[in-house]
Amino acid sequence: MTYVEGFLVPVPADKKDAYRTHARGAAPLLLEFGARRMVESWGDDLPDGKVTDFKRAVQAEAGEAVVFSWFEYPSKAARDAANQRMMSDPRMDEVAASAPFDGKRMILGGFEAIVDEGAGQGSYIDGFVVPVLPGKGEAYRAMAAKAAPIFREHGAVRVLETVADDVPNGEVTDFYRAVKAEDGETIVFSFIEWPDKATRDAGWQKVMADDRMKPEGDMPFAGPRMFWGGFERLLDTATTAST
């Protein structure tokens, strides 16, 4: 099943074109090393949360945007092999030198897919980072598996939910600190792809009004500490399209 390397990146808002150029430089190497797909998306609709949100997750400063991105691999072994090649290939030094962001505040980690519905590529993306309560992993997977086809019915082209597998602690921030994770909790990194923002907005209205989305019993995640937002696609190697 799909293995994902997920990233949150703080980027100066006036460096959008520079970031896209940086991503385009990395993409051919990532595909050569074994990635099946690389997607970069730019924060567009990022609400302020009461406890945490995308901007606080990366300690975004004034004038910075947030990038939500991921690399897809056929397996963890393929991801590990690709990372080894990245570390040893001198071409990656030039790519790293072009990075227009503060790498110390970038968040990254490896995640195993638990739900993967649909095969389309969307130009608008809803991204989520979710703290799952101790012992509630299967309950979360069941909830996500129930919700995914409903989102597809209301316009989404793909729903992917992944759970933390290889998520390191960072020097400044990381996925665990981003959601203020408590002992025994795990992290879900997920996204919903939509054809465009208008379809996403209409789709969410339909989803929220759909009685099938009503929770059954206690929620298996800490809702006040999860965060989400809408992102415009910058680069997608599956479509070679960019904004």
Protein backbone atom coordinates (compact mmCIF):
# COMPACT_ATOMS: atom_id res chain seq x y z
CA MET A 1 0.00 0.00 0.00
CA THR A 2 1.09 3.60 -0.54
CA TYR A 3 3.82 4.99 1.70
CA VAL A 4 4.02 8.76 2.04
CA GLU A 5 6.76 11.17 3.04
CA GLY A 6 4.84 14.20 4.26
CA PHE A 7 6.10 17.76 4.72
CA LEU A 8 5.00 21.12 6.12
CA VAL A 9 7.25 24.00 5.07
CA PRO A 10 7.30 27.70 5.99
CA VAL A 11 8.12 29.77 2.89
CA PRO A 12 8.28 33.58 2.52
CA ALA A 13 5.16 34.58 0.59
CA ASP A 14 7.23 36.54 -1.92
CA LYS A 15 9.30 33.42 -2.66
CA LYS A 16 6.48 31.40 -4.23
CA ASP A 17 8.09 31.32 -7.67
CA ALA A 18 11.48 30.49 -6.17
CA TYR A 19 9.94 27.62 -4.23
CA ARG A 20 8.25 26.27 -7.36
CA THR A 21 11.59 26.43 -9.20
CA HIS A 22 13.22 24.58 -6.29
CA ALA A 23 10.53 21.88 -6.39
CA ARG A 24 10.85 21.50 -10.15
CA GLY A 25 14.56 20.96 -9.73
CA ALA A 26 14.01 18.22 -7.18
CA ALA A 27 11.17 16.41 -8.98
CA PRO A 28 13.17 14.55 -11.68
CA LEU A 29 15.61 13.26 -9.08
CA LEU A 30 12.83 12.10 -6.76
CA LEU A 31 11.21 10.16 -9.58
CA GLU A 32 14.56 8.70 -10.60
CA PHE A 33 15.17 7.57 -7.03
CA GLY A 34 11.85 5.72 -6.83
CA ALA A 35 9.04 8.11 -5.89
CA ARG A 36 5.80 7.51 -7.79
CA ARG A 37 4.49 11.02 -7.32
CA MET A 38 5.53 14.36 -5.83
CA VAL A 39 2.98 17.05 -4.97
CA GLU A 40 3.62 20.57 -3.69
CA SER A 41 0.73 22.82 -2.63
CA TRP A 42 0.59 26.42 -1.40
CA GLY A 43 -1.51 27.57 1.56
CA ASP A 44 -4.68 29.36 0.42
CA ASP A 45 -7.37 28.90 3.09
CA LEU A 46 -5.64 28.31 6.43
CA PRO A 47 -7.91 29.09 9.37
CA ASP A 48 -6.52 30.17 12.71
CA GLY A 49 -7.13 27.44 15.26
CA LYS A 50 -7.85 27.86 18.97
CA VAL A 51 -5.06 25.47 19.97
CA THR A 52 -2.94 24.91 16.87
CA ASP A 53 -2.99 25.39 13.11
CA PHE A 54 -0.74 25.14 10.07
CA LYS A 55 0.97 28.46 10.72
CA ARG A 56 1.74 27.69 14.34
CA ALA A 57 2.86 24.18 13.40
CA VAL A 58 5.88 25.59 11.52
CA GLN A 59 6.15 28.71 13.68
CA ALA A 60 5.40 30.82 10.61
CA GLU A 61 6.63 34.39 10.81
CA ALA A 62 5.00 37.51 9.42
CA GLY A 63 4.94 37.35 5.64
CA GLU A 64 5.37 33.58 5.44
CA ALA A 65 3.10 31.06 3.75
CA VAL A 66 2.83 27.32 4.47
CA VAL A 67 3.47 24.57 1.93
CA PHE A 68 1.80 21.17 2.30
CA SER A 69 3.60 18.54 0.26
CA TRP A 70 4.14 14.82 -0.05
CA PHE A 71 6.10 12.18 -1.95
CA GLU A 72 4.35 8.87 -2.69
CA TYR A 73 6.20 5.54 -2.77
CA PRO A 74 5.00 1.98 -3.37
CA SER A 75 6.42 0.87 -0.01
CA LYS A 76 8.50 1.92 2.97
CA ALA A 77 11.46 0.02 1.53
CA ALA A 78 11.25 2.11 -1.64
CA ARG A 79 11.12 5.29 0.48
CA ASP A 80 14.16 4.21 2.51
CA ALA A 81 16.14 3.36 -0.62
CA ALA A 82 15.25 6.73 -2.17
CA ASN A 83 16.36 8.61 0.94
CA GLN A 84 19.69 6.79 0.90
CA ARG A 85 20.22 7.82 -2.71
CA MET A 86 19.30 11.42 -1.90
CA MET A 87 21.91 11.54 0.82
CA SER A 88 24.66 10.23 -1.46
CA ASP A 89 23.86 11.92 -4.78
CA PRO A 90 25.83 15.17 -5.27
CA ARG A 91 23.07 16.57 -7.48
CA MET A 92 20.95 16.96 -4.37
CA ASP A 93 23.43 19.50 -3.00
CA GLU A 94 22.47 21.94 -5.73
CA VAL A 95 18.78 21.33 -5.07
CA ALA A 96 19.26 21.90 -1.35
CA ALA A 97 21.18 25.12 -2.01
CA SER A 98 18.18 26.52 -3.91
CA ALA A 99 15.75 25.99 -1.04
CA PRO A 100 14.09 29.37 -0.23
CA PHE A 101 12.97 28.47 3.30
CA ASP A 102 14.16 27.84 6.84
CA GLY A 103 14.85 24.12 6.94
CA LYS A 104 14.95 24.04 10.73
CA ARG A 105 11.23 24.78 10.86
CA MET A 106 10.29 22.31 8.14
CA ILE A 107 8.35 19.27 9.43
CA LEU A 108 8.67 15.86 7.82
CA GLY A 109 7.93 12.21 8.44
CA GLY A 110 7.04 8.84 6.95
CA PHE A 111 3.44 7.60 7.01
CA GLU A 112 1.69 4.35 6.05
CA ALA A 113 -1.60 4.56 4.17
CA ILE A 114 -4.66 3.24 6.00
CA VAL A 115 -7.30 4.51 3.54
CA ASP A 116 -6.74 5.29 -0.15
CA GLU A 117 -9.87 6.09 -2.17
CA GLY A 118 -9.81 7.37 -5.74
CA ALA A 119 -7.07 7.80 -8.30
CA GLY A 120 -7.54 11.33 -9.59
CA GLN A 121 -5.25 14.33 -9.27
CA GLY A 122 -6.79 17.53 -8.00
CA SER A 123 -5.81 21.16 -8.36
CA TYR A 124 -7.11 21.98 -4.87
CA ILE A 125 -6.16 20.07 -1.73
CA ASP A 126 -7.46 19.91 1.81
CA GLY A 127 -4.65 18.92 4.16
CA PHE A 128 -5.06 17.57 7.69
CA VAL A 129 -2.82 16.72 10.63
CA VAL A 130 -4.65 14.78 13.35
CA PRO A 131 -3.67 13.48 16.81
CA VAL A 132 -5.27 10.04 17.25
CA LEU A 133 -6.03 9.00 20.81
CA PRO A 134 -4.24 6.05 22.43
CA GLY A 135 -5.70 2.70 21.43
CA LYS A 136 -8.03 4.32 18.88
CA GLY A 137 -6.10 3.59 15.69
CA GLU A 138 -8.54 0.99 14.37
CA ALA A 139 -11.52 3.16 15.28
CA TYR A 140 -9.96 6.04 13.35
CA ARG A 141 -9.30 3.83 10.34
CA ALA A 142 -12.90 2.61 10.34
CA MET A 143 -14.19 6.19 10.59
CA ALA A 144 -11.94 7.32 7.74
CA ALA A 145 -12.93 4.34 5.57
CA LYS A 146 -16.60 5.22 6.06
CA ALA A 147 -16.08 8.92 5.24
CA ALA A 148 -13.86 8.54 2.16
CA PRO A 149 -16.53 7.32 -0.30
CA ILE A 150 -18.88 10.05 0.91
CA PHE A 151 -16.30 12.71 0.05
CA ARG A 152 -15.84 11.02 -3.34
CA GLU A 153 -19.60 11.04 -3.90
CA HIS A 154 -19.63 14.80 -3.26
CA GLY A 155 -16.85 15.68 -5.68
CA ALA A 156 -13.46 14.68 -4.25
CA VAL A 157 -11.19 12.81 -6.66
CA ARG A 158 -9.01 11.19 -4.00
CA VAL A 159 -8.89 10.70 -0.23
CA LEU A 160 -5.70 9.43 1.40
CA GLU A 161 -5.30 8.86 5.14
CA THR A 162 -1.90 7.85 6.50
CA VAL A 163 -0.66 7.05 9.99
CA ALA A 164 2.74 7.87 11.49
CA ASP A 165 5.41 5.23 10.95
CA ASP A 166 8.76 7.04 10.85
CA VAL A 167 8.20 10.50 12.28
CA PRO A 168 11.34 12.01 13.84
CA ASN A 169 11.58 14.61 16.55
CA GLY A 170 12.79 17.91 15.11
CA GLU A 171 15.13 20.52 16.55
CA VAL A 172 12.51 23.27 16.49
CA THR A 173 9.20 21.59 15.67
CA ASP A 174 7.81 18.31 14.38
CA PHE A 175 4.49 16.57 13.76
CA TYR A 176 4.08 15.62 17.42
CA ARG A 177 4.69 19.12 18.71
CA ALA A 178 2.53 20.57 15.93
CA VAL A 179 -0.58 18.92 17.44
CA LYS A 180 0.68 19.04 21.03
CA ALA A 181 0.57 15.24 21.08
CA GLU A 182 0.13 13.54 24.43
CA ASP A 183 1.57 10.22 25.61
CA GLY A 184 0.40 7.28 23.53
CA GLU A 185 -1.07 9.35 20.70
CA THR A 186 -0.15 8.85 17.08
CA ILE A 187 -0.36 11.24 14.12
CA VAL A 188 -2.44 11.04 10.97
CA PHE A 189 -1.31 12.99 7.88
CA SER A 190 -4.11 13.08 5.34
CA PHE A 191 -5.44 14.95 2.35
CA ILE A 192 -8.46 15.24 0.10
CA GLU A 193 -7.94 16.19 -3.54
CA TRP A 194 -10.61 18.14 -5.40
CA PRO A 195 -10.82 19.15 -9.09
CA ASP A 196 -10.84 22.84 -8.07
CA LYS A 197 -11.67 25.13 -5.16
CA ALA A 198 -15.28 25.69 -6.23
CA THR A 199 -15.92 21.94 -6.22
CA ARG A 200 -14.25 21.71 -2.82
CA ASP A 201 -16.40 24.47 -1.33
CA ALA A 202 -19.61 22.96 -2.70
CA GLY A 203 -18.50 19.47 -1.71
CA TRP A 204 -17.91 20.42 1.90
CA GLN A 205 -21.40 21.92 2.16
CA LYS A 206 -22.85 18.63 0.93
CA VAL A 207 -20.62 16.56 3.22
CA MET A 208 -21.55 18.60 6.28
CA ALA A 209 -25.26 18.15 5.48
CA ASP A 210 -24.94 14.40 4.88
CA ASP A 211 -26.44 12.40 7.75
CA ARG A 212 -23.99 9.56 7.06
CA MET A 213 -21.20 11.77 8.41
CA LYS A 214 -22.71 11.95 11.89
CA PRO A 215 -20.30 10.36 14.38
CA GLU A 216 -21.14 7.07 16.00
CA GLY A 217 -19.89 7.15 19.58
CA ASP A 218 -16.85 9.04 20.83
CA MET A 219 -14.46 10.54 18.31
CA PRO A 220 -11.13 8.64 18.11
CA PHE A 221 -9.04 11.80 17.81
CA ALA A 222 -8.45 15.03 19.72
CA GLY A 223 -10.54 17.47 17.67
CA PRO A 224 -9.36 20.71 19.34
CA ARG A 225 -5.74 19.84 18.49
CA MET A 226 -6.17 18.72 14.89
CA PHE A 227 -5.71 21.28 12.13
CA TRP A 228 -6.60 21.54 8.48
CA GLY A 229 -6.60 23.96 5.58
CA GLY A 230 -6.99 24.44 1.85
CA PHE A 231 -4.04 24.50 -0.56
CA GLU A 232 -3.55 25.38 -4.21
CA ARG A 233 -1.48 22.93 -6.23
CA LEU A 234 1.96 24.24 -7.18
CA LEU A 235 3.41 21.10 -8.72
CA ASP A 236 2.21 17.57 -9.36
CA THR A 237 4.48 15.16 -11.18
CA ALA A 238 1.47 12.96 -12.01
CA THR A 239 0.00 15.70 -14.18
CA THR A 240 3.09 17.85 -14.88
CA ALA A 241 0.75 20.73 -14.06
CA SER A 242 1.50 23.68 -11.85
CA THR A 243 -0.26 26.88 -10.85
